[in-house]
Amino acid sequence: MIEFLVSGIILGSVAGISPGPLLALVISETIKVNYKQGIKVAFSVFLSDLPIVGATIFIVSKFSEYNLILGIISFLGSVFIAFLAYENISIKSFNLQKVEVQKNALVKGALTNLFSPHPYLFWILVGAPTFIKASQHSWVAAFLFILGFYVFIVGTKVIIAVLSEKSKSFISSKSYLLIIKILGYILLLFSLILIYDGLQFFGII
């Protein structure tokens, strides 16, 4: 059961700290206004992810009895996670996107996340299958996975917002880039786990 909580924590931390449109918006709003605006953007994940998570879990659950399809999803998920790992490991710097400030940072953050392909790919290929696997173990395990993921994806973005206001050079610091690279190597392990799951679905092991 604890392994699903750990999975949620690690995947949430990676999603929270890795460069992307939503993180760029968190930092942009923080620098241009204040950290409170950045925190609003961080919490917008709850608004935008609710329909994404619900829809993907519903769709993937329809194939929960088809091991061939689940095996294919696991392999595709491993490729997706490996790609994210490569992006993190090979990162040289973080370039903040130019984003215009609007009054409602919460809505703007939700729309930014809603129109980004990453949440959809993650929940179809990794999040939903892991949630379903956890729910087959117990609903407590499934809850712990979701809890760990969202506490840390939002929490890391909140921390980055606060640090960005206190030290605008934090995002370009070697420490931040090192953390991203370390999380990238951890993602590689998750990629291997998904390959193992795929082989199990195919009945190879």
N, C-alpha and C. Protein backbone atom coordinates (compact mmCIF):
# COMPACT_ATOMS: atom_id res chain seq x y z
N MET A 1 0.83 -1.21 0.00
CA MET A 1 0.00 0.00 0.00
C MET A 1 0.86 1.26 0.00
N ILE A 2 1.93 1.23 0.80
CA ILE A 2 2.81 2.39 0.91
C ILE A 2 3.49 2.70 -0.42
N GLU A 3 3.72 1.65 -1.23
CA GLU A 3 4.40 1.88 -2.51
C GLU A 3 3.60 2.80 -3.43
N PHE A 4 2.27 2.76 -3.30
CA PHE A 4 1.44 3.65 -4.13
C PHE A 4 1.52 5.10 -3.63
N LEU A 5 1.63 5.27 -2.33
CA LEU A 5 1.83 6.61 -1.78
C LEU A 5 3.18 7.17 -2.24
N VAL A 6 4.22 6.33 -2.17
CA VAL A 6 5.55 6.74 -2.61
C VAL A 6 5.55 7.08 -4.10
N SER A 7 4.86 6.27 -4.89
CA SER A 7 4.75 6.53 -6.33
C SER A 7 4.09 7.89 -6.58
N GLY A 8 3.00 8.16 -5.84
CA GLY A 8 2.32 9.44 -5.99
C GLY A 8 3.21 10.60 -5.60
N ILE A 9 3.95 10.45 -4.51
CA ILE A 9 4.85 11.50 -4.04
C ILE A 9 5.94 11.81 -5.06
N ILE A 10 6.57 10.76 -5.59
CA ILE A 10 7.66 10.96 -6.54
C ILE A 10 7.15 11.54 -7.85
N LEU A 11 6.08 10.97 -8.38
CA LEU A 11 5.53 11.48 -9.64
C LEU A 11 5.00 12.90 -9.48
N GLY A 12 4.39 13.19 -8.34
CA GLY A 12 3.91 14.55 -8.08
C GLY A 12 5.05 15.54 -7.97
N SER A 13 6.13 15.12 -7.30
CA SER A 13 7.30 15.99 -7.15
C SER A 13 7.92 16.30 -8.51
N VAL A 14 8.04 15.27 -9.34
CA VAL A 14 8.61 15.46 -10.67
C VAL A 14 7.74 16.40 -11.50
N ALA A 15 6.42 16.16 -11.48
CA ALA A 15 5.50 17.00 -12.24
C ALA A 15 5.50 18.43 -11.71
N GLY A 16 5.69 18.58 -10.41
CA GLY A 16 5.66 19.91 -9.82
C GLY A 16 6.89 20.74 -10.10
N ILE A 17 8.04 20.09 -10.16
CA ILE A 17 9.29 20.83 -10.26
C ILE A 17 9.85 20.92 -11.68
N SER A 18 9.37 20.04 -12.57
CA SER A 18 9.91 20.01 -13.93
C SER A 18 9.40 21.20 -14.75
N PRO A 19 10.26 21.77 -15.61
CA PRO A 19 9.86 22.90 -16.45
C PRO A 19 8.68 22.56 -17.35
N GLY A 20 7.79 23.51 -17.50
CA GLY A 20 6.61 23.33 -18.35
C GLY A 20 5.78 24.60 -18.33
N PRO A 21 4.71 24.66 -19.12
CA PRO A 21 3.89 25.87 -19.21
C PRO A 21 3.33 26.34 -17.87
N LEU A 22 2.84 25.40 -17.04
CA LEU A 22 2.23 25.79 -15.77
C LEU A 22 3.27 26.32 -14.79
N LEU A 23 4.43 25.67 -14.73
CA LEU A 23 5.49 26.14 -13.84
C LEU A 23 5.99 27.50 -14.30
N ALA A 24 6.10 27.69 -15.61
CA ALA A 24 6.52 28.98 -16.15
C ALA A 24 5.53 30.08 -15.73
N LEU A 25 4.25 29.73 -15.72
CA LEU A 25 3.22 30.70 -15.32
C LEU A 25 3.31 30.98 -13.82
N VAL A 26 3.57 29.96 -13.02
CA VAL A 26 3.75 30.14 -11.57
C VAL A 26 4.86 31.16 -11.30
N ILE A 27 5.99 30.97 -11.97
CA ILE A 27 7.14 31.84 -11.75
C ILE A 27 6.89 33.23 -12.31
N SER A 28 6.28 33.29 -13.49
CA SER A 28 6.00 34.57 -14.13
C SER A 28 5.08 35.43 -13.28
N GLU A 29 3.98 34.84 -12.78
CA GLU A 29 3.04 35.58 -11.95
C GLU A 29 3.70 36.02 -10.64
N THR A 30 4.58 35.17 -10.10
CA THR A 30 5.28 35.50 -8.86
C THR A 30 6.20 36.70 -9.06
N ILE A 31 6.99 36.66 -10.13
CA ILE A 31 7.96 37.73 -10.39
C ILE A 31 7.27 39.05 -10.75
N LYS A 32 6.20 38.97 -11.54
CA LYS A 32 5.53 40.18 -12.01
C LYS A 32 4.58 40.77 -10.98
N VAL A 33 4.02 39.94 -10.10
CA VAL A 33 3.09 40.44 -9.08
C VAL A 33 3.64 40.10 -7.70
N ASN A 34 3.36 38.90 -7.21
CA ASN A 34 3.90 38.42 -5.94
C ASN A 34 3.67 36.92 -5.83
N TYR A 35 4.21 36.32 -4.78
CA TYR A 35 4.14 34.87 -4.65
C TYR A 35 2.70 34.37 -4.46
N LYS A 36 1.82 35.24 -3.94
CA LYS A 36 0.42 34.83 -3.75
C LYS A 36 -0.24 34.50 -5.10
N GLN A 37 0.10 35.28 -6.14
CA GLN A 37 -0.42 35.00 -7.47
C GLN A 37 0.14 33.68 -7.99
N GLY A 38 1.41 33.43 -7.72
CA GLY A 38 2.04 32.17 -8.13
C GLY A 38 1.38 30.98 -7.46
N ILE A 39 1.04 31.15 -6.18
CA ILE A 39 0.38 30.07 -5.43
C ILE A 39 -1.02 29.80 -6.00
N LYS A 40 -1.72 30.86 -6.42
CA LYS A 40 -3.03 30.68 -7.04
C LYS A 40 -2.91 29.81 -8.29
N VAL A 41 -1.87 30.07 -9.09
CA VAL A 41 -1.64 29.27 -10.30
C VAL A 41 -1.37 27.82 -9.92
N ALA A 42 -0.57 27.62 -8.86
CA ALA A 42 -0.25 26.25 -8.41
C ALA A 42 -1.52 25.49 -8.04
N PHE A 43 -2.45 26.14 -7.36
CA PHE A 43 -3.68 25.48 -6.93
C PHE A 43 -4.67 25.29 -8.07
N SER A 44 -4.42 25.94 -9.20
CA SER A 44 -5.32 25.78 -10.35
C SER A 44 -5.30 24.36 -10.90
N VAL A 45 -4.28 23.58 -10.51
CA VAL A 45 -4.19 22.18 -10.93
C VAL A 45 -5.46 21.42 -10.52
N PHE A 46 -5.98 21.74 -9.33
CA PHE A 46 -7.18 21.05 -8.86
C PHE A 46 -8.38 21.30 -9.78
N LEU A 47 -8.49 22.52 -10.30
CA LEU A 47 -9.60 22.85 -11.18
C LEU A 47 -9.50 22.14 -12.52
N SER A 48 -8.30 22.18 -13.11
CA SER A 48 -8.13 21.64 -14.46
C SER A 48 -8.01 20.13 -14.50
N ASP A 49 -7.45 19.53 -13.44
CA ASP A 49 -7.21 18.09 -13.47
C ASP A 49 -8.45 17.26 -13.18
N LEU A 50 -9.43 17.83 -12.51
CA LEU A 50 -10.62 17.06 -12.13
C LEU A 50 -11.29 16.39 -13.32
N PRO A 51 -11.61 17.12 -14.41
CA PRO A 51 -12.22 16.44 -15.56
C PRO A 51 -11.26 15.51 -16.29
N ILE A 52 -9.97 15.87 -16.31
CA ILE A 52 -8.97 15.04 -16.99
C ILE A 52 -8.82 13.70 -16.28
N VAL A 53 -8.67 13.76 -14.96
CA VAL A 53 -8.49 12.53 -14.17
C VAL A 53 -9.73 11.67 -14.24
N GLY A 54 -10.90 12.28 -14.06
CA GLY A 54 -12.14 11.51 -14.11
C GLY A 54 -12.34 10.81 -15.43
N ALA A 55 -12.11 11.53 -16.53
CA ALA A 55 -12.32 10.96 -17.87
C ALA A 55 -11.33 9.85 -18.17
N THR A 56 -10.05 10.06 -17.85
CA THR A 56 -9.03 9.05 -18.19
C THR A 56 -9.20 7.79 -17.35
N ILE A 57 -9.52 7.94 -16.07
CA ILE A 57 -9.73 6.76 -15.23
C ILE A 57 -10.94 5.97 -15.73
N PHE A 58 -11.99 6.68 -16.12
CA PHE A 58 -13.19 6.02 -16.65
C PHE A 58 -12.86 5.24 -17.93
N ILE A 59 -12.11 5.86 -18.83
CA ILE A 59 -11.78 5.22 -20.11
C ILE A 59 -10.87 4.01 -19.91
N VAL A 60 -9.79 4.22 -19.15
CA VAL A 60 -8.82 3.13 -18.94
C VAL A 60 -9.45 1.97 -18.17
N SER A 61 -10.36 2.28 -17.23
CA SER A 61 -11.00 1.22 -16.45
C SER A 61 -11.84 0.29 -17.32
N LYS A 62 -12.32 0.81 -18.45
CA LYS A 62 -13.11 -0.02 -19.37
C LYS A 62 -12.27 -1.13 -20.00
N PHE A 63 -10.96 -0.94 -19.97
CA PHE A 63 -10.06 -1.95 -20.57
C PHE A 63 -9.31 -2.75 -19.51
N SER A 64 -9.76 -2.62 -18.23
CA SER A 64 -9.02 -3.24 -17.12
C SER A 64 -8.99 -4.77 -17.20
N GLU A 65 -9.91 -5.36 -17.98
CA GLU A 65 -9.93 -6.82 -18.11
C GLU A 65 -9.21 -7.30 -19.36
N TYR A 66 -8.68 -6.37 -20.14
CA TYR A 66 -7.98 -6.73 -21.37
C TYR A 66 -6.47 -6.53 -21.17
N ASN A 67 -5.81 -7.62 -20.83
CA ASN A 67 -4.39 -7.55 -20.51
C ASN A 67 -3.54 -7.05 -21.69
N LEU A 68 -3.94 -7.38 -22.91
CA LEU A 68 -3.17 -6.95 -24.08
C LEU A 68 -3.16 -5.42 -24.17
N ILE A 69 -4.33 -4.82 -24.01
CA ILE A 69 -4.43 -3.35 -24.08
C ILE A 69 -3.67 -2.70 -22.92
N LEU A 70 -3.83 -3.26 -21.72
CA LEU A 70 -3.11 -2.71 -20.57
C LEU A 70 -1.60 -2.86 -20.74
N GLY A 71 -1.17 -3.94 -21.36
CA GLY A 71 0.24 -4.14 -21.63
C GLY A 71 0.77 -3.08 -22.59
N ILE A 72 0.00 -2.79 -23.62
CA ILE A 72 0.39 -1.76 -24.60
C ILE A 72 0.45 -0.39 -23.91
N ILE A 73 -0.55 -0.09 -23.07
CA ILE A 73 -0.57 1.18 -22.34
C ILE A 73 0.66 1.28 -21.44
N SER A 74 1.02 0.19 -20.79
CA SER A 74 2.19 0.19 -19.90
C SER A 74 3.47 0.49 -20.68
N PHE A 75 3.61 -0.12 -21.86
CA PHE A 75 4.80 0.13 -22.67
C PHE A 75 4.84 1.57 -23.18
N LEU A 76 3.69 2.07 -23.61
CA LEU A 76 3.62 3.47 -24.06
C LEU A 76 3.91 4.41 -22.89
N GLY A 77 3.41 4.04 -21.71
CA GLY A 77 3.69 4.84 -20.52
C GLY A 77 5.16 4.87 -20.18
N SER A 78 5.83 3.72 -20.36
CA SER A 78 7.27 3.67 -20.08
C SER A 78 8.05 4.56 -21.03
N VAL A 79 7.60 4.61 -22.30
CA VAL A 79 8.24 5.49 -23.29
C VAL A 79 8.03 6.95 -22.90
N PHE A 80 6.81 7.29 -22.50
CA PHE A 80 6.49 8.66 -22.10
C PHE A 80 7.31 9.09 -20.89
N ILE A 81 7.38 8.22 -19.88
CA ILE A 81 8.15 8.53 -18.67
C ILE A 81 9.64 8.63 -19.00
N ALA A 82 10.14 7.76 -19.88
CA ALA A 82 11.54 7.81 -20.28
C ALA A 82 11.85 9.13 -20.99
N PHE A 83 10.89 9.60 -21.80
CA PHE A 83 11.06 10.89 -22.49
C PHE A 83 11.13 12.03 -21.49
N LEU A 84 10.25 12.01 -20.48
CA LEU A 84 10.29 13.03 -19.43
C LEU A 84 11.61 12.96 -18.67
N ALA A 85 12.08 11.74 -18.42
CA ALA A 85 13.36 11.56 -17.73
C ALA A 85 14.50 12.17 -18.54
N TYR A 86 14.48 11.92 -19.85
CA TYR A 86 15.51 12.48 -20.73
C TYR A 86 15.48 14.00 -20.71
N GLU A 87 14.28 14.58 -20.73
CA GLU A 87 14.15 16.04 -20.68
C GLU A 87 14.76 16.60 -19.39
N ASN A 88 14.50 15.92 -18.28
CA ASN A 88 15.03 16.38 -17.00
C ASN A 88 16.54 16.23 -16.90
N ILE A 89 17.02 15.07 -17.33
CA ILE A 89 18.45 14.78 -17.21
C ILE A 89 19.28 15.68 -18.12
N SER A 90 18.76 15.99 -19.29
CA SER A 90 19.52 16.77 -20.28
C SER A 90 19.33 18.28 -20.15
N ILE A 91 18.55 18.72 -19.16
CA ILE A 91 18.28 20.15 -19.03
C ILE A 91 19.55 20.94 -18.74
N LYS A 92 19.70 22.07 -19.41
CA LYS A 92 20.86 22.94 -19.23
C LYS A 92 20.48 24.22 -18.48
N SER A 93 19.27 24.70 -18.74
CA SER A 93 18.80 25.92 -18.09
C SER A 93 17.28 25.97 -18.19
N PHE A 94 16.70 26.87 -17.41
CA PHE A 94 15.24 27.06 -17.44
C PHE A 94 14.95 28.43 -18.00
N ASN A 95 14.28 28.47 -19.16
CA ASN A 95 13.94 29.74 -19.80
C ASN A 95 12.49 30.10 -19.49
N LEU A 96 12.30 31.16 -18.74
CA LEU A 96 10.96 31.59 -18.37
C LEU A 96 10.23 32.16 -19.58
N GLN A 97 9.05 31.62 -19.83
CA GLN A 97 8.24 32.11 -20.94
C GLN A 97 7.66 33.47 -20.60
N LYS A 98 7.45 34.30 -21.63
CA LYS A 98 6.83 35.60 -21.45
C LYS A 98 5.32 35.40 -21.37
N VAL A 99 4.76 35.69 -20.21
CA VAL A 99 3.33 35.51 -20.02
C VAL A 99 2.74 36.81 -19.48
N GLU A 100 1.67 37.28 -20.11
CA GLU A 100 1.03 38.51 -19.66
C GLU A 100 0.23 38.24 -18.38
N VAL A 101 0.31 39.16 -17.46
CA VAL A 101 -0.39 39.01 -16.19
C VAL A 101 -1.87 39.36 -16.34
N GLN A 102 -2.72 38.51 -15.83
CA GLN A 102 -4.14 38.78 -15.80
C GLN A 102 -4.59 38.76 -14.34
N LYS A 103 -5.77 39.35 -14.07
CA LYS A 103 -6.22 39.45 -12.69
C LYS A 103 -6.51 38.09 -12.09
N ASN A 104 -7.16 37.21 -12.85
CA ASN A 104 -7.55 35.92 -12.31
C ASN A 104 -6.50 34.87 -12.63
N ALA A 105 -5.50 34.78 -11.79
CA ALA A 105 -4.40 33.84 -12.01
C ALA A 105 -4.88 32.40 -11.89
N LEU A 106 -5.88 32.17 -11.03
CA LEU A 106 -6.39 30.81 -10.82
C LEU A 106 -6.99 30.25 -12.11
N VAL A 107 -7.83 31.05 -12.77
CA VAL A 107 -8.45 30.62 -14.03
C VAL A 107 -7.41 30.49 -15.12
N LYS A 108 -6.49 31.44 -15.17
CA LYS A 108 -5.45 31.39 -16.20
C LYS A 108 -4.59 30.14 -16.05
N GLY A 109 -4.26 29.78 -14.81
CA GLY A 109 -3.49 28.57 -14.56
C GLY A 109 -4.25 27.33 -14.98
N ALA A 110 -5.55 27.31 -14.66
CA ALA A 110 -6.38 26.15 -15.02
C ALA A 110 -6.44 25.97 -16.53
N LEU A 111 -6.60 27.07 -17.26
CA LEU A 111 -6.67 27.00 -18.73
C LEU A 111 -5.33 26.58 -19.32
N THR A 112 -4.24 27.07 -18.74
CA THR A 112 -2.91 26.70 -19.21
C THR A 112 -2.70 25.19 -19.08
N ASN A 113 -3.10 24.65 -17.95
CA ASN A 113 -2.94 23.21 -17.71
C ASN A 113 -3.90 22.39 -18.56
N LEU A 114 -5.11 22.92 -18.73
CA LEU A 114 -6.14 22.20 -19.48
C LEU A 114 -5.76 22.03 -20.95
N PHE A 115 -5.05 23.02 -21.50
CA PHE A 115 -4.69 22.97 -22.92
C PHE A 115 -3.27 22.47 -23.14
N SER A 116 -2.63 21.98 -22.10
CA SER A 116 -1.31 21.37 -22.23
C SER A 116 -1.48 19.87 -22.45
N PRO A 117 -0.72 19.26 -23.34
CA PRO A 117 -0.88 17.82 -23.60
C PRO A 117 -0.36 16.92 -22.48
N HIS A 118 0.54 17.44 -21.64
CA HIS A 118 1.18 16.60 -20.63
C HIS A 118 0.21 15.95 -19.65
N PRO A 119 -0.76 16.69 -19.07
CA PRO A 119 -1.69 16.04 -18.13
C PRO A 119 -2.46 14.88 -18.76
N TYR A 120 -2.87 15.05 -20.01
CA TYR A 120 -3.63 14.01 -20.69
C TYR A 120 -2.77 12.76 -20.91
N LEU A 121 -1.56 12.99 -21.41
CA LEU A 121 -0.65 11.86 -21.67
C LEU A 121 -0.29 11.16 -20.37
N PHE A 122 -0.01 11.95 -19.33
CA PHE A 122 0.37 11.34 -18.06
C PHE A 122 -0.76 10.48 -17.49
N TRP A 123 -1.99 11.02 -17.47
CA TRP A 123 -3.08 10.28 -16.83
C TRP A 123 -3.56 9.09 -17.67
N ILE A 124 -3.47 9.20 -18.98
CA ILE A 124 -3.86 8.05 -19.82
C ILE A 124 -2.84 6.93 -19.73
N LEU A 125 -1.54 7.29 -19.78
CA LEU A 125 -0.49 6.28 -19.88
C LEU A 125 0.10 5.85 -18.54
N VAL A 126 0.01 6.70 -17.52
CA VAL A 126 0.66 6.39 -16.24
C VAL A 126 -0.31 6.52 -15.06
N GLY A 127 -0.90 7.70 -14.90
CA GLY A 127 -1.72 7.97 -13.72
C GLY A 127 -2.92 7.06 -13.56
N ALA A 128 -3.75 6.97 -14.60
CA ALA A 128 -4.96 6.15 -14.52
C ALA A 128 -4.65 4.66 -14.33
N PRO A 129 -3.70 4.08 -15.11
CA PRO A 129 -3.36 2.67 -14.87
C PRO A 129 -2.84 2.41 -13.45
N THR A 130 -2.04 3.35 -12.92
CA THR A 130 -1.53 3.18 -11.56
C THR A 130 -2.66 3.28 -10.55
N PHE A 131 -3.58 4.21 -10.76
CA PHE A 131 -4.74 4.36 -9.87
C PHE A 131 -5.58 3.08 -9.87
N ILE A 132 -5.82 2.52 -11.06
CA ILE A 132 -6.63 1.31 -11.17
C ILE A 132 -5.93 0.13 -10.50
N LYS A 133 -4.62 0.05 -10.70
CA LYS A 133 -3.83 -1.01 -10.06
C LYS A 133 -3.90 -0.88 -8.54
N ALA A 134 -3.82 0.37 -8.05
CA ALA A 134 -3.91 0.61 -6.61
C ALA A 134 -5.29 0.27 -6.08
N SER A 135 -6.35 0.61 -6.85
CA SER A 135 -7.71 0.34 -6.41
C SER A 135 -8.00 -1.16 -6.34
N GLN A 136 -7.31 -1.94 -7.18
CA GLN A 136 -7.46 -3.39 -7.13
C GLN A 136 -6.84 -3.96 -5.87
N HIS A 137 -5.85 -3.22 -5.35
CA HIS A 137 -5.23 -3.61 -4.07
C HIS A 137 -6.16 -3.22 -2.93
N SER A 138 -6.55 -1.93 -2.91
CA SER A 138 -7.54 -1.41 -1.96
C SER A 138 -7.82 0.04 -2.32
N TRP A 139 -9.00 0.53 -1.93
CA TRP A 139 -9.34 1.92 -2.22
C TRP A 139 -8.49 2.88 -1.40
N VAL A 140 -7.99 2.39 -0.27
CA VAL A 140 -7.08 3.22 0.54
C VAL A 140 -5.79 3.46 -0.24
N ALA A 141 -5.29 2.43 -0.90
CA ALA A 141 -4.07 2.55 -1.70
C ALA A 141 -4.27 3.54 -2.84
N ALA A 142 -5.45 3.47 -3.50
CA ALA A 142 -5.76 4.39 -4.59
C ALA A 142 -5.82 5.82 -4.07
N PHE A 143 -6.43 6.00 -2.90
CA PHE A 143 -6.53 7.33 -2.29
C PHE A 143 -5.14 7.87 -1.95
N LEU A 144 -4.28 7.01 -1.41
CA LEU A 144 -2.93 7.43 -1.04
C LEU A 144 -2.13 7.85 -2.27
N PHE A 145 -2.33 7.17 -3.39
CA PHE A 145 -1.63 7.55 -4.64
C PHE A 145 -2.06 8.95 -5.07
N ILE A 146 -3.37 9.20 -5.10
CA ILE A 146 -3.89 10.50 -5.49
C ILE A 146 -3.44 11.58 -4.50
N LEU A 147 -3.52 11.26 -3.21
CA LEU A 147 -3.13 12.21 -2.17
C LEU A 147 -1.66 12.60 -2.31
N GLY A 148 -0.79 11.59 -2.44
CA GLY A 148 0.64 11.85 -2.57
C GLY A 148 0.95 12.68 -3.80
N PHE A 149 0.28 12.35 -4.91
CA PHE A 149 0.54 13.05 -6.17
C PHE A 149 0.17 14.53 -6.07
N TYR A 150 -1.04 14.82 -5.59
CA TYR A 150 -1.52 16.20 -5.62
C TYR A 150 -0.93 17.07 -4.50
N VAL A 151 -0.66 16.48 -3.36
CA VAL A 151 0.00 17.25 -2.30
C VAL A 151 1.37 17.71 -2.78
N PHE A 152 2.07 16.85 -3.50
CA PHE A 152 3.44 17.19 -3.91
C PHE A 152 3.50 17.97 -5.21
N ILE A 153 2.57 17.76 -6.14
CA ILE A 153 2.62 18.56 -7.38
C ILE A 153 2.27 20.02 -7.06
N VAL A 154 1.29 20.21 -6.16
CA VAL A 154 0.93 21.58 -5.76
C VAL A 154 1.97 22.12 -4.78
N GLY A 155 2.39 21.29 -3.84
CA GLY A 155 3.34 21.72 -2.82
C GLY A 155 4.66 22.20 -3.39
N THR A 156 5.20 21.45 -4.36
CA THR A 156 6.48 21.86 -4.95
C THR A 156 6.34 23.17 -5.72
N LYS A 157 5.21 23.36 -6.40
CA LYS A 157 4.99 24.61 -7.13
C LYS A 157 4.83 25.79 -6.17
N VAL A 158 4.19 25.56 -5.03
CA VAL A 158 4.05 26.61 -4.01
C VAL A 158 5.43 27.00 -3.47
N ILE A 159 6.25 25.99 -3.19
CA ILE A 159 7.61 26.25 -2.68
C ILE A 159 8.42 27.04 -3.71
N ILE A 160 8.30 26.65 -4.98
CA ILE A 160 9.03 27.34 -6.04
C ILE A 160 8.56 28.79 -6.16
N ALA A 161 7.24 29.02 -6.00
CA ALA A 161 6.71 30.39 -6.05
C ALA A 161 7.32 31.25 -4.95
N VAL A 162 7.38 30.70 -3.73
CA VAL A 162 7.95 31.44 -2.60
C VAL A 162 9.44 31.69 -2.81
N LEU A 163 10.17 30.67 -3.25
CA LEU A 163 11.60 30.82 -3.48
C LEU A 163 11.89 31.79 -4.61
N SER A 164 11.01 31.81 -5.62
CA SER A 164 11.21 32.70 -6.77
C SER A 164 11.09 34.15 -6.37
N GLU A 165 10.20 34.44 -5.41
CA GLU A 165 10.08 35.83 -4.95
C GLU A 165 11.25 36.23 -4.07
N LYS A 166 11.70 35.30 -3.25
CA LYS A 166 12.81 35.61 -2.35
C LYS A 166 14.14 35.68 -3.09
N SER A 167 14.31 34.83 -4.10
CA SER A 167 15.55 34.79 -4.86
C SER A 167 15.23 34.52 -6.33
N LYS A 168 15.25 35.57 -7.13
CA LYS A 168 14.89 35.43 -8.54
C LYS A 168 15.92 34.62 -9.33
N SER A 169 17.08 34.38 -8.73
CA SER A 169 18.11 33.58 -9.40
C SER A 169 17.99 32.10 -9.08
N PHE A 170 17.00 31.75 -8.21
CA PHE A 170 16.87 30.35 -7.77
C PHE A 170 16.64 29.41 -8.95
N ILE A 171 15.76 29.80 -9.89
CA ILE A 171 15.40 28.92 -11.00
C ILE A 171 16.58 28.60 -11.90
N SER A 172 17.54 29.52 -11.98
CA SER A 172 18.71 29.28 -12.84
C SER A 172 19.90 28.74 -12.04
N SER A 173 19.68 28.45 -10.75
CA SER A 173 20.77 27.97 -9.90
C SER A 173 21.12 26.52 -10.20
N LYS A 174 22.34 26.15 -9.88
CA LYS A 174 22.81 24.78 -10.10
C LYS A 174 22.05 23.80 -9.21
N SER A 175 21.67 24.24 -8.01
CA SER A 175 20.95 23.36 -7.08
C SER A 175 19.62 22.92 -7.66
N TYR A 176 18.89 23.88 -8.25
CA TYR A 176 17.59 23.57 -8.83
C TYR A 176 17.73 22.60 -10.01
N LEU A 177 18.70 22.87 -10.86
CA LEU A 177 18.92 22.01 -12.01
C LEU A 177 19.36 20.61 -11.57
N LEU A 178 20.14 20.54 -10.49
CA LEU A 178 20.58 19.24 -9.97
C LEU A 178 19.39 18.42 -9.47
N ILE A 179 18.46 19.09 -8.77
CA ILE A 179 17.25 18.40 -8.28
C ILE A 179 16.46 17.82 -9.45
N ILE A 180 16.32 18.62 -10.52
CA ILE A 180 15.58 18.17 -11.70
C ILE A 180 16.25 16.94 -12.31
N LYS A 181 17.58 16.97 -12.40
CA LYS A 181 18.32 15.85 -12.99
C LYS A 181 18.16 14.58 -12.14
N ILE A 182 18.23 14.73 -10.81
CA ILE A 182 18.07 13.58 -9.91
C ILE A 182 16.69 12.95 -10.08
N LEU A 183 15.66 13.81 -10.14
CA LEU A 183 14.31 13.31 -10.35
C LEU A 183 14.19 12.64 -11.72
N GLY A 184 14.96 13.10 -12.68
CA GLY A 184 14.97 12.47 -14.01
C GLY A 184 15.45 11.03 -13.93
N TYR A 185 16.50 10.80 -13.15
CA TYR A 185 17.01 9.42 -13.00
C TYR A 185 16.00 8.53 -12.26
N ILE A 186 15.28 9.12 -11.31
CA ILE A 186 14.24 8.37 -10.61
C ILE A 186 13.13 7.98 -11.58
N LEU A 187 12.82 8.89 -12.52
CA LEU A 187 11.81 8.60 -13.53
C LEU A 187 12.23 7.41 -14.39
N LEU A 188 13.51 7.27 -14.65
CA LEU A 188 13.98 6.13 -15.43
C LEU A 188 13.62 4.81 -14.74
N LEU A 189 13.70 4.81 -13.41
CA LEU A 189 13.31 3.61 -12.66
C LEU A 189 11.82 3.31 -12.84
N PHE A 190 11.01 4.37 -12.83
CA PHE A 190 9.58 4.19 -13.05
C PHE A 190 9.31 3.66 -14.45
N SER A 191 10.11 4.10 -15.41
CA SER A 191 9.97 3.61 -16.78
C SER A 191 10.21 2.10 -16.83
N LEU A 192 11.22 1.64 -16.10
CA LEU A 192 11.52 0.21 -16.05
C LEU A 192 10.40 -0.57 -15.36
N ILE A 193 9.82 0.05 -14.31
CA ILE A 193 8.70 -0.60 -13.61
C ILE A 193 7.51 -0.78 -14.54
N LEU A 194 7.25 0.21 -15.38
CA LEU A 194 6.14 0.12 -16.33
C LEU A 194 6.41 -0.95 -17.39
N ILE A 195 7.67 -1.10 -17.79
CA ILE A 195 8.02 -2.17 -18.73
C ILE A 195 7.76 -3.53 -18.08
N TYR A 196 8.13 -3.64 -16.80
CA TYR A 196 7.89 -4.88 -16.05
C TYR A 196 6.39 -5.18 -15.98
N ASP A 197 5.59 -4.13 -15.70
CA ASP A 197 4.13 -4.31 -15.65
C ASP A 197 3.60 -4.77 -17.01
N GLY A 198 4.14 -4.17 -18.07
CA GLY A 198 3.70 -4.55 -19.42
C GLY A 198 4.01 -5.99 -19.73
N LEU A 199 5.17 -6.46 -19.33
CA LEU A 199 5.55 -7.86 -19.55
C LEU A 199 4.64 -8.81 -18.76
N GLN A 200 4.22 -8.35 -17.57
CA GLN A 200 3.28 -9.17 -16.79
C GLN A 200 1.92 -9.26 -17.48
N PHE A 201 1.44 -8.15 -18.01
CA PHE A 201 0.16 -8.16 -18.73
C PHE A 201 0.22 -9.05 -19.95
N PHE A 202 1.37 -9.11 -20.59
CA PHE A 202 1.53 -9.96 -21.78
C PHE A 202 1.77 -11.42 -21.41
N GLY A 203 1.92 -11.70 -20.11
CA GLY A 203 2.12 -13.06 -19.65
C GLY A 203 3.51 -13.59 -19.92
N ILE A 204 4.46 -12.68 -20.15
CA ILE A 204 5.84 -13.09 -20.44
C ILE A 204 6.57 -13.46 -19.16
N ILE A 205 6.24 -12.73 -18.08
CA ILE A 205 6.86 -13.03 -16.77
C ILE A 205 5.77 -13.20 -15.71
